[in-house]
């Protein structure tokens, strides 16, 4: 036999051995997988689906409440600063803080009744719209809207504080109010 054919046969034999060892590895893996009951697989799939659903729902109510509480904390500090400077804007910030607290409390109370049902702001608003409650003064829908508006106001105020620290707090609050909240307060 010539060396070329011999090498070719040797290479074919090595390929066959690789395939056989591959089959045995594959066979072993299949046996291991068969050891898992189909129930374990289904339980694992259900757990993954539940985790995914919880992640999607979490992005609403609790996130808004967390940000709102941080906002309230910032306004507490601004109010302290305002009173310390004998600035007349302190009472305005105090009223805003109280409004934010009431709206937070309204959402927290509803969420506490059924955390899984009210994990999503969409679920809250949808239910209130269906029940005809969304436009009522004490609705969570309105609380959500006003928390969003308060955040917008605070964002404008904090940006002004960063950009123009020499401007009076009163001027900054009035400007932020005029831009963000005044359009929704027809009586002021």
N, C-alpha and C. Protein backbone atom coordinates (compact mmCIF):
# COMPACT_ATOMS: atom_id res chain seq x y z
N UNK A 1 0.83 -1.18 0.00
CA UNK A 1 0.00 0.00 0.00
C UNK A 1 0.87 1.23 0.00
N UNK A 2 0.48 2.19 -0.72
CA UNK A 2 1.29 3.39 -0.81
C UNK A 2 0.99 4.30 0.38
N UNK A 3 1.99 5.12 0.71
CA UNK A 3 1.90 5.96 1.92
C UNK A 3 0.72 6.93 1.89
N UNK A 4 0.35 7.43 0.75
CA UNK A 4 -0.77 8.37 0.63
C UNK A 4 -2.08 7.71 1.03
N UNK A 5 -2.27 6.47 0.52
CA UNK A 5 -3.50 5.76 0.85
C UNK A 5 -3.49 5.35 2.31
N UNK A 6 -2.33 5.00 2.85
CA UNK A 6 -2.22 4.61 4.24
C UNK A 6 -2.58 5.77 5.17
N UNK A 7 -2.06 6.94 4.82
CA UNK A 7 -2.38 8.14 5.62
C UNK A 7 -3.87 8.47 5.54
N UNK A 8 -4.41 8.26 4.34
CA UNK A 8 -5.82 8.55 4.16
C UNK A 8 -6.68 7.60 5.00
N UNK A 9 -6.31 6.31 5.04
CA UNK A 9 -7.05 5.34 5.85
C UNK A 9 -6.90 5.66 7.34
N UNK A 10 -5.72 6.06 7.73
CA UNK A 10 -5.49 6.42 9.14
C UNK A 10 -6.33 7.63 9.55
N UNK A 11 -6.40 8.56 8.65
CA UNK A 11 -7.20 9.76 8.93
C UNK A 11 -8.68 9.40 9.00
N UNK A 12 -9.15 8.51 8.13
CA UNK A 12 -10.54 8.09 8.16
C UNK A 12 -10.85 7.36 9.47
N UNK A 13 -9.89 6.53 9.91
CA UNK A 13 -10.08 5.80 11.17
C UNK A 13 -10.19 6.78 12.34
N UNK A 14 -9.36 7.81 12.36
CA UNK A 14 -9.42 8.82 13.43
C UNK A 14 -10.76 9.56 13.39
N UNK A 15 -11.25 9.87 12.22
CA UNK A 15 -12.54 10.54 12.09
C UNK A 15 -13.66 9.65 12.61
N UNK A 16 -13.59 8.32 12.30
CA UNK A 16 -14.60 7.38 12.77
C UNK A 16 -14.57 7.32 14.30
N UNK A 17 -13.38 7.28 14.87
CA UNK A 17 -13.25 7.23 16.33
C UNK A 17 -13.82 8.52 16.95
N UNK A 18 -13.54 9.66 16.33
CA UNK A 18 -14.09 10.92 16.83
C UNK A 18 -15.61 10.88 16.80
N UNK A 19 -16.17 10.36 15.69
CA UNK A 19 -17.61 10.29 15.57
C UNK A 19 -18.20 9.36 16.64
N UNK A 20 -17.53 8.21 16.86
CA UNK A 20 -18.02 7.28 17.86
C UNK A 20 -17.94 7.89 19.25
N UNK A 21 -16.83 8.57 19.54
CA UNK A 21 -16.70 9.20 20.86
C UNK A 21 -17.72 10.32 20.99
N UNK A 22 -17.96 11.01 19.89
CA UNK A 22 -18.98 12.05 19.89
C UNK A 22 -20.35 11.47 20.16
N UNK A 23 -20.62 10.33 19.57
CA UNK A 23 -21.90 9.68 19.80
C UNK A 23 -22.03 9.29 21.26
N UNK A 24 -20.97 8.77 21.83
CA UNK A 24 -21.07 8.35 23.22
C UNK A 24 -21.26 9.56 24.13
N UNK A 25 -20.58 10.67 23.81
CA UNK A 25 -20.78 11.89 24.59
C UNK A 25 -22.20 12.40 24.42
N UNK A 26 -22.69 12.36 23.21
CA UNK A 26 -24.05 12.77 22.94
C UNK A 26 -25.03 11.86 23.66
N UNK A 27 -24.76 10.55 23.58
CA UNK A 27 -25.63 9.59 24.24
C UNK A 27 -25.65 9.84 25.76
N UNK A 28 -24.49 10.12 26.34
CA UNK A 28 -24.42 10.38 27.77
C UNK A 28 -25.19 11.65 28.13
N UNK A 29 -25.06 12.67 27.30
CA UNK A 29 -25.78 13.91 27.55
C UNK A 29 -27.29 13.68 27.48
N UNK A 30 -27.71 12.88 26.51
CA UNK A 30 -29.13 12.58 26.37
C UNK A 30 -29.65 11.83 27.60
N UNK A 31 -28.84 10.89 28.09
CA UNK A 31 -29.25 10.14 29.26
C UNK A 31 -29.38 11.06 30.48
N UNK A 32 -28.42 11.98 30.61
CA UNK A 32 -28.50 12.93 31.72
C UNK A 32 -29.75 13.79 31.63
N UNK A 33 -30.04 14.23 30.44
CA UNK A 33 -31.24 15.05 30.26
C UNK A 33 -32.50 14.25 30.55
N UNK A 34 -32.50 12.98 30.22
CA UNK A 34 -33.67 12.16 30.48
C UNK A 34 -33.89 11.95 31.97
N UNK A 35 -32.83 12.10 32.76
CA UNK A 35 -32.98 11.95 34.20
C UNK A 35 -33.86 13.05 34.79
N UNK A 36 -33.82 14.22 34.14
CA UNK A 36 -34.72 15.29 34.59
C UNK A 36 -36.13 14.91 34.21
N UNK A 37 -37.01 14.99 35.14
CA UNK A 37 -38.40 14.68 34.79
C UNK A 37 -38.97 15.83 33.99
N UNK A 38 -39.97 15.52 33.21
CA UNK A 38 -40.60 16.58 32.43
C UNK A 38 -41.24 17.59 33.36
N UNK A 39 -41.62 17.16 34.56
CA UNK A 39 -42.21 18.07 35.53
C UNK A 39 -41.18 19.12 35.97
N UNK A 40 -39.93 18.68 36.20
CA UNK A 40 -38.87 19.63 36.57
C UNK A 40 -38.68 20.67 35.48
N UNK A 41 -38.71 20.24 34.24
CA UNK A 41 -38.54 21.16 33.12
C UNK A 41 -39.69 22.16 33.08
N UNK A 42 -40.92 21.66 33.26
CA UNK A 42 -42.09 22.54 33.25
C UNK A 42 -42.04 23.53 34.41
N UNK A 43 -41.65 23.07 35.59
CA UNK A 43 -41.53 23.96 36.75
C UNK A 43 -40.50 25.05 36.48
N UNK A 44 -39.39 24.66 35.89
CA UNK A 44 -38.33 25.63 35.58
C UNK A 44 -38.83 26.67 34.58
N UNK A 45 -39.56 26.21 33.57
CA UNK A 45 -40.09 27.13 32.57
C UNK A 45 -41.09 28.10 33.20
N UNK A 46 -41.95 27.58 34.09
CA UNK A 46 -42.93 28.43 34.76
C UNK A 46 -42.22 29.47 35.63
N UNK A 47 -41.19 29.07 36.34
CA UNK A 47 -40.43 30.01 37.17
C UNK A 47 -39.82 31.12 36.33
N UNK A 48 -39.26 30.74 35.19
CA UNK A 48 -38.67 31.74 34.30
C UNK A 48 -39.73 32.70 33.77
N UNK A 49 -40.89 32.18 33.40
CA UNK A 49 -41.97 33.02 32.91
C UNK A 49 -42.46 33.98 33.99
N UNK A 50 -42.58 33.50 35.22
CA UNK A 50 -43.02 34.34 36.32
C UNK A 50 -41.99 35.44 36.61
N UNK A 51 -40.71 35.09 36.59
CA UNK A 51 -39.66 36.09 36.81
C UNK A 51 -39.72 37.16 35.73
N UNK A 52 -39.89 36.76 34.49
CA UNK A 52 -39.96 37.71 33.38
C UNK A 52 -41.17 38.62 33.54
N UNK A 53 -42.31 38.05 33.92
CA UNK A 53 -43.53 38.83 34.10
C UNK A 53 -43.35 39.83 35.24
N UNK A 54 -42.73 39.41 36.33
CA UNK A 54 -42.49 40.31 37.46
C UNK A 54 -41.57 41.45 37.06
N UNK A 55 -40.55 41.16 36.27
CA UNK A 55 -39.64 42.21 35.82
C UNK A 55 -40.39 43.25 34.98
N UNK A 56 -41.29 42.78 34.11
CA UNK A 56 -42.04 43.69 33.26
C UNK A 56 -43.00 44.54 34.09
N UNK A 57 -43.66 43.95 35.08
CA UNK A 57 -44.62 44.68 35.88
C UNK A 57 -43.94 45.65 36.83
N UNK A 58 -42.77 45.31 37.32
CA UNK A 58 -42.09 46.10 38.32
C UNK A 58 -41.80 47.51 37.83
N UNK A 59 -41.72 47.68 36.56
CA UNK A 59 -41.27 48.96 36.00
C UNK A 59 -42.26 50.10 36.18
N UNK A 60 -43.29 49.89 36.95
CA UNK A 60 -44.25 50.97 37.04
C UNK A 60 -44.44 51.52 38.44
N UNK A 61 -45.34 50.95 39.19
CA UNK A 61 -45.79 51.53 40.45
C UNK A 61 -44.64 51.74 41.42
N UNK A 62 -43.86 50.70 41.66
CA UNK A 62 -42.78 50.82 42.65
C UNK A 62 -41.70 51.80 42.18
N UNK A 63 -41.42 51.82 40.91
CA UNK A 63 -40.43 52.77 40.40
C UNK A 63 -40.89 54.21 40.59
N UNK A 64 -42.16 54.46 40.27
CA UNK A 64 -42.69 55.81 40.44
C UNK A 64 -42.67 56.20 41.92
N UNK A 65 -43.06 55.29 42.79
CA UNK A 65 -43.05 55.59 44.23
C UNK A 65 -41.64 55.87 44.73
N UNK A 66 -40.69 55.11 44.27
CA UNK A 66 -39.29 55.31 44.69
C UNK A 66 -38.78 56.68 44.27
N UNK A 67 -39.01 57.04 43.02
CA UNK A 67 -38.56 58.35 42.52
C UNK A 67 -39.30 59.47 43.24
N UNK A 68 -40.58 59.28 43.50
CA UNK A 68 -41.37 60.30 44.18
C UNK A 68 -40.88 60.54 45.60
N UNK A 69 -40.49 59.48 46.27
CA UNK A 69 -39.96 59.63 47.63
C UNK A 69 -38.63 60.37 47.62
N UNK A 70 -37.81 60.09 46.62
CA UNK A 70 -36.55 60.82 46.49
C UNK A 70 -36.82 62.30 46.23
N UNK A 71 -37.79 62.56 45.40
CA UNK A 71 -38.18 63.93 45.09
C UNK A 71 -38.64 64.64 46.37
N UNK A 72 -39.47 63.97 47.14
CA UNK A 72 -39.95 64.55 48.39
C UNK A 72 -38.77 64.89 49.31
N UNK A 73 -37.79 64.01 49.36
CA UNK A 73 -36.60 64.26 50.19
C UNK A 73 -35.84 65.51 49.72
N UNK A 74 -35.69 65.66 48.42
CA UNK A 74 -35.01 66.83 47.87
C UNK A 74 -35.78 68.10 48.24
N UNK A 75 -37.10 68.03 48.13
CA UNK A 75 -37.91 69.21 48.46
C UNK A 75 -37.86 69.54 49.95
N UNK A 76 -37.71 68.53 50.79
CA UNK A 76 -37.54 68.78 52.23
C UNK A 76 -36.27 69.62 52.44
N UNK A 77 -35.22 69.22 51.77
CA UNK A 77 -33.94 69.96 51.92
C UNK A 77 -34.05 71.37 51.34
N UNK A 78 -34.72 71.51 50.22
CA UNK A 78 -34.91 72.85 49.65
C UNK A 78 -35.75 73.73 50.56
N UNK A 79 -36.76 73.14 51.17
CA UNK A 79 -37.61 73.90 52.09
C UNK A 79 -36.79 74.38 53.28
N UNK A 80 -35.96 73.50 53.83
CA UNK A 80 -35.09 73.88 54.95
C UNK A 80 -34.18 75.04 54.54
N UNK A 81 -33.61 74.92 53.36
CA UNK A 81 -32.73 75.98 52.85
C UNK A 81 -33.50 77.29 52.70
N UNK A 82 -34.69 77.21 52.17
CA UNK A 82 -35.50 78.39 51.95
C UNK A 82 -35.85 79.08 53.27
N UNK A 83 -36.26 78.30 54.26
CA UNK A 83 -36.59 78.89 55.56
C UNK A 83 -35.34 79.45 56.23
N UNK A 84 -34.20 78.78 56.07
CA UNK A 84 -32.96 79.25 56.66
C UNK A 84 -32.54 80.59 56.05
N UNK A 85 -32.85 80.78 54.77
CA UNK A 85 -32.49 82.02 54.09
C UNK A 85 -33.59 83.07 54.26
N UNK A 86 -34.61 82.74 55.03
CA UNK A 86 -35.77 83.62 55.25
C UNK A 86 -36.40 84.00 53.90
N UNK A 87 -36.38 83.03 53.00
CA UNK A 87 -36.95 83.21 51.66
C UNK A 87 -38.45 82.94 51.74
N UNK A 88 -39.24 83.72 51.06
CA UNK A 88 -40.69 83.57 51.13
C UNK A 88 -41.23 82.40 50.33
N UNK A 89 -40.37 81.64 49.68
CA UNK A 89 -40.83 80.53 48.85
C UNK A 89 -41.00 79.24 49.65
N UNK A 90 -40.50 79.20 50.88
CA UNK A 90 -40.60 78.02 51.73
C UNK A 90 -42.01 77.46 51.85
N UNK A 91 -43.02 78.30 52.14
CA UNK A 91 -44.39 77.77 52.24
C UNK A 91 -44.88 77.12 50.94
N UNK A 92 -44.47 77.65 49.81
CA UNK A 92 -44.86 77.06 48.52
C UNK A 92 -44.27 75.66 48.38
N UNK A 93 -43.00 75.52 48.73
CA UNK A 93 -42.36 74.21 48.66
C UNK A 93 -42.99 73.24 49.65
N UNK A 94 -43.40 73.74 50.79
CA UNK A 94 -44.06 72.92 51.80
C UNK A 94 -45.37 72.36 51.26
N UNK A 95 -46.15 73.20 50.60
CA UNK A 95 -47.42 72.75 50.00
C UNK A 95 -47.15 71.70 48.92
N UNK A 96 -46.15 71.93 48.10
CA UNK A 96 -45.80 70.97 47.06
C UNK A 96 -45.41 69.63 47.68
N UNK A 97 -44.60 69.67 48.74
CA UNK A 97 -44.21 68.44 49.43
C UNK A 97 -45.43 67.69 49.96
N UNK A 98 -46.37 68.43 50.53
CA UNK A 98 -47.58 67.80 51.07
C UNK A 98 -48.40 67.15 49.97
N UNK A 99 -48.51 67.82 48.84
CA UNK A 99 -49.24 67.25 47.71
C UNK A 99 -48.56 65.96 47.23
N UNK A 100 -47.25 66.00 47.14
CA UNK A 100 -46.50 64.82 46.71
C UNK A 100 -46.73 63.68 47.70
N UNK A 101 -46.66 63.99 49.00
CA UNK A 101 -46.86 62.96 50.01
C UNK A 101 -48.25 62.34 49.91
N UNK A 102 -49.27 63.15 49.70
CA UNK A 102 -50.63 62.62 49.57
C UNK A 102 -50.76 61.69 48.36
N UNK A 103 -50.14 62.09 47.26
CA UNK A 103 -50.20 61.27 46.05
C UNK A 103 -49.42 59.96 46.22
N UNK A 104 -48.28 60.04 46.89
CA UNK A 104 -47.51 58.82 47.19
C UNK A 104 -48.36 57.89 48.05
N UNK A 105 -48.96 58.45 49.09
CA UNK A 105 -49.76 57.65 50.01
C UNK A 105 -50.93 56.98 49.30
N UNK A 106 -51.57 57.69 48.41
CA UNK A 106 -52.71 57.14 47.67
C UNK A 106 -52.27 55.92 46.85
N UNK A 107 -51.14 56.05 46.16
CA UNK A 107 -50.63 54.92 45.36
C UNK A 107 -50.15 53.77 46.25
N UNK A 108 -49.47 54.10 47.34
CA UNK A 108 -49.00 53.05 48.24
C UNK A 108 -50.17 52.26 48.84
N UNK A 109 -51.23 52.96 49.23
CA UNK A 109 -52.39 52.29 49.81
C UNK A 109 -53.02 51.31 48.82
N UNK A 110 -53.18 51.77 47.58
CA UNK A 110 -53.76 50.88 46.57
C UNK A 110 -52.83 49.71 46.30
N UNK A 111 -51.57 49.97 46.13
CA UNK A 111 -50.59 48.91 45.85
C UNK A 111 -50.57 47.89 46.98
N UNK A 112 -50.68 48.34 48.23
CA UNK A 112 -50.63 47.43 49.38
C UNK A 112 -51.84 46.49 49.40
N UNK A 113 -52.95 46.89 48.84
CA UNK A 113 -54.14 46.03 48.81
C UNK A 113 -53.92 44.77 48.00
N UNK A 114 -53.19 44.91 46.88
CA UNK A 114 -52.92 43.75 46.03
C UNK A 114 -51.68 44.06 45.17
N UNK A 115 -50.49 43.81 45.74
CA UNK A 115 -49.25 44.18 45.06
C UNK A 115 -49.09 43.59 43.65
N UNK A 116 -49.54 42.36 43.45
CA UNK A 116 -49.37 41.79 42.11
C UNK A 116 -50.34 42.41 41.11
N UNK A 117 -51.54 42.69 41.56
CA UNK A 117 -52.54 43.29 40.66
C UNK A 117 -52.17 44.73 40.30
N UNK A 118 -51.64 45.47 41.29
CA UNK A 118 -51.35 46.89 41.08
C UNK A 118 -49.86 47.18 40.93
N UNK A 119 -49.12 46.19 40.44
CA UNK A 119 -47.69 46.39 40.23
C UNK A 119 -47.43 47.33 39.06
N UNK A 120 -48.38 47.42 38.17
CA UNK A 120 -48.23 48.22 36.96
C UNK A 120 -49.13 49.45 37.01
N UNK A 121 -48.58 50.60 36.68
CA UNK A 121 -49.41 51.81 36.60
C UNK A 121 -50.49 51.65 35.54
N UNK A 122 -50.16 50.93 34.49
CA UNK A 122 -51.13 50.68 33.43
C UNK A 122 -52.35 49.95 33.99
N UNK A 123 -52.11 48.97 34.85
CA UNK A 123 -53.22 48.21 35.44
C UNK A 123 -54.09 49.12 36.31
N UNK A 124 -53.44 50.01 37.05
CA UNK A 124 -54.17 50.93 37.93
C UNK A 124 -55.05 51.87 37.10
N UNK A 125 -54.44 52.49 36.11
CA UNK A 125 -55.17 53.45 35.28
C UNK A 125 -56.29 52.76 34.51
N UNK A 126 -56.00 51.60 33.94
CA UNK A 126 -57.01 50.87 33.18
C UNK A 126 -58.21 50.55 34.06
N UNK A 127 -57.96 50.06 35.26
CA UNK A 127 -59.07 49.74 36.16
C UNK A 127 -59.88 50.98 36.51
N UNK A 128 -59.20 52.08 36.81
CA UNK A 128 -59.92 53.30 37.17
C UNK A 128 -60.72 53.87 36.00
N UNK A 129 -60.18 53.77 34.81
CA UNK A 129 -60.92 54.24 33.63
C UNK A 129 -62.16 53.38 33.44
N UNK A 130 -62.00 52.06 33.54
CA UNK A 130 -63.14 51.15 33.38
C UNK A 130 -64.22 51.39 34.43
N UNK A 131 -63.81 51.77 35.64
CA UNK A 131 -64.77 52.01 36.72
C UNK A 131 -65.29 53.44 36.75
N UNK A 132 -64.78 54.29 35.86
CA UNK A 132 -65.19 55.69 35.82
C UNK A 132 -64.60 56.52 36.96
N UNK A 133 -63.50 56.07 37.54
CA UNK A 133 -62.88 56.74 38.69
C UNK A 133 -61.69 57.62 38.31
N UNK A 134 -61.16 57.47 37.12
CA UNK A 134 -59.89 58.09 36.76
C UNK A 134 -59.87 59.61 36.85
N UNK A 135 -61.00 60.25 36.65
CA UNK A 135 -61.03 61.72 36.66
C UNK A 135 -61.41 62.30 38.01
N UNK A 136 -61.67 61.44 38.98
CA UNK A 136 -62.04 61.92 40.31
C UNK A 136 -60.80 62.44 41.04
N UNK A 137 -61.01 63.41 41.89
CA UNK A 137 -59.92 64.07 42.60
C UNK A 137 -59.03 63.11 43.37
N UNK A 138 -59.61 62.09 43.96
CA UNK A 138 -58.84 61.17 44.80
C UNK A 138 -58.39 59.90 44.07
N UNK A 139 -58.39 59.93 42.75
CA UNK A 139 -58.00 58.73 42.00
C UNK A 139 -56.48 58.58 41.95
N UNK A 140 -56.04 57.35 41.79
CA UNK A 140 -54.61 57.08 41.63
C UNK A 140 -54.12 57.54 40.26
N UNK A 141 -55.02 57.59 39.31
CA UNK A 141 -54.66 58.11 37.98
C UNK A 141 -54.22 59.56 38.10
N UNK A 142 -55.01 60.35 38.80
CA UNK A 142 -54.65 61.77 39.00
C UNK A 142 -53.39 61.89 39.86
N UNK A 143 -53.26 61.01 40.85
CA UNK A 143 -52.05 61.02 41.68
C UNK A 143 -50.82 60.79 40.82
N UNK A 144 -50.92 59.87 39.90
CA UNK A 144 -49.80 59.56 39.00
C UNK A 144 -49.48 60.76 38.11
N UNK A 145 -50.51 61.38 37.58
CA UNK A 145 -50.31 62.56 36.72
C UNK A 145 -49.63 63.68 37.51
N UNK A 146 -50.12 63.94 38.72
CA UNK A 146 -49.55 65.03 39.51
C UNK A 146 -48.15 64.72 40.02
N UNK A 147 -47.86 63.45 40.28
CA UNK A 147 -46.48 63.10 40.65
C UNK A 147 -45.55 63.35 39.46
N UNK A 148 -46.02 63.02 38.28
CA UNK A 148 -45.22 63.27 37.08
C UNK A 148 -44.99 64.77 36.88
N UNK A 149 -46.03 65.56 37.07
CA UNK A 149 -45.89 67.01 36.93
C UNK A 149 -44.96 67.58 38.00
N UNK A 150 -45.06 67.04 39.21
CA UNK A 150 -44.17 67.50 40.29
C UNK A 150 -42.72 67.18 39.98
N UNK A 151 -42.49 66.02 39.38
CA UNK A 151 -41.13 65.66 38.98
C UNK A 151 -40.61 66.61 37.92
N UNK A 152 -41.47 66.95 36.99
CA UNK A 152 -41.09 67.89 35.93
C UNK A 152 -40.73 69.25 36.54
N UNK A 153 -41.55 69.73 37.46
CA UNK A 153 -41.28 70.98 38.16
C UNK A 153 -39.93 70.91 38.87
N UNK A 154 -39.73 69.84 39.61
CA UNK A 154 -38.49 69.69 40.38
C UNK A 154 -37.27 69.60 39.47
N UNK A 155 -37.42 68.93 38.36
CA UNK A 155 -36.32 68.84 37.40
C UNK A 155 -35.92 70.23 36.91
N UNK A 156 -36.91 71.04 36.54
CA UNK A 156 -36.63 72.41 36.09
C UNK A 156 -35.98 73.23 37.21
N UNK A 157 -36.48 73.08 38.41
CA UNK A 157 -35.93 73.82 39.54
C UNK A 157 -34.49 73.41 39.83
N UNK A 158 -34.22 72.13 39.85
CA UNK A 158 -32.86 71.66 40.14
C UNK A 158 -31.89 72.03 39.02
N UNK A 159 -32.35 71.97 37.78
CA UNK A 159 -31.49 72.41 36.68
C UNK A 159 -31.14 73.89 36.82
N UNK A 160 -32.12 74.69 37.21
CA UNK A 160 -31.87 76.13 37.42
C UNK A 160 -30.86 76.34 38.55
N UNK A 161 -30.99 75.57 39.62
CA UNK A 161 -30.05 75.69 40.73
C UNK A 161 -28.62 75.37 40.29
N UNK A 162 -28.49 74.40 39.42
CA UNK A 162 -27.16 74.02 38.94
C UNK A 162 -26.59 75.04 37.95
N UNK A 163 -27.44 75.51 37.06
CA UNK A 163 -26.97 76.42 36.02
C UNK A 163 -26.78 77.85 36.51
N UNK A 164 -27.64 78.30 37.41
CA UNK A 164 -27.61 79.70 37.86
C UNK A 164 -27.67 79.78 39.39
N UNK A 165 -26.64 79.35 40.08
CA UNK A 165 -26.70 79.34 41.54
C UNK A 165 -26.82 80.74 42.16
N UNK A 166 -26.50 81.77 41.38
CA UNK A 166 -26.57 83.14 41.91
C UNK A 166 -28.00 83.72 41.87
N UNK A 167 -28.89 83.08 41.11
CA UNK A 167 -30.28 83.53 41.03
C UNK A 167 -31.00 83.17 42.33
N UNK A 168 -31.94 84.02 42.73
CA UNK A 168 -32.66 83.75 43.98
C UNK A 168 -33.54 82.52 43.82
N UNK A 169 -33.70 81.81 44.91
CA UNK A 169 -34.54 80.61 44.92
C UNK A 169 -35.97 80.96 44.53
N UNK A 170 -36.43 82.12 44.98
CA UNK A 170 -37.79 82.55 44.65
C UNK A 170 -37.97 82.66 43.14
N UNK A 171 -37.01 83.29 42.46
CA UNK A 171 -37.10 83.44 41.01
C UNK A 171 -37.09 82.08 40.31
N UNK A 172 -36.24 81.18 40.80
CA UNK A 172 -36.15 79.85 40.19
C UNK A 172 -37.45 79.08 40.35
N UNK A 173 -38.03 79.14 41.54
CA UNK A 173 -39.28 78.43 41.80
C UNK A 173 -40.39 79.00 40.93
N UNK A 174 -40.47 80.33 40.85
CA UNK A 174 -41.52 80.96 40.04
C UNK A 174 -41.38 80.59 38.57
N UNK A 175 -40.14 80.58 38.08
CA UNK A 175 -39.92 80.23 36.67
C UNK A 175 -40.28 78.76 36.42
N UNK A 176 -39.83 77.87 37.30
CA UNK A 176 -40.15 76.45 37.13
C UNK A 176 -41.65 76.22 37.22
N UNK A 177 -42.30 76.94 38.13
CA UNK A 177 -43.76 76.81 38.28
C UNK A 177 -44.47 77.28 37.01
N UNK A 178 -44.05 78.42 36.51
CA UNK A 178 -44.70 78.99 35.31
C UNK A 178 -44.62 78.03 34.13
N UNK A 179 -43.46 77.37 33.99
CA UNK A 179 -43.24 76.47 32.85
C UNK A 179 -43.97 75.14 33.02
N UNK A 180 -43.98 74.61 34.24
CA UNK A 180 -44.42 73.22 34.42
C UNK A 180 -45.80 73.03 35.05
N UNK A 181 -46.15 73.82 36.03
CA UNK A 181 -47.40 73.57 36.77
C UNK A 181 -48.52 74.57 36.50
N UNK A 182 -48.15 75.81 36.22
CA UNK A 182 -49.16 76.84 36.03
C UNK A 182 -50.21 76.49 34.98
N UNK A 183 -49.83 75.86 33.87
CA UNK A 183 -50.84 75.51 32.87
C UNK A 183 -51.96 74.60 33.41
N UNK A 184 -51.71 73.92 34.52
CA UNK A 184 -52.69 73.00 35.09
C UNK A 184 -53.41 73.58 36.30
N UNK A 185 -53.00 74.77 36.73
CA UNK A 185 -53.64 75.45 37.84
C UNK A 185 -54.38 76.66 37.28
N UNK A 186 -55.59 76.50 36.90
CA UNK A 186 -56.36 77.57 36.31
C UNK A 186 -56.69 78.69 37.28
N UNK A 187 -56.60 78.43 38.56
CA UNK A 187 -57.02 79.40 39.56
C UNK A 187 -55.90 80.31 40.05
N UNK A 188 -54.66 80.09 39.64
CA UNK A 188 -53.55 80.93 40.10
C UNK A 188 -53.14 81.89 38.99
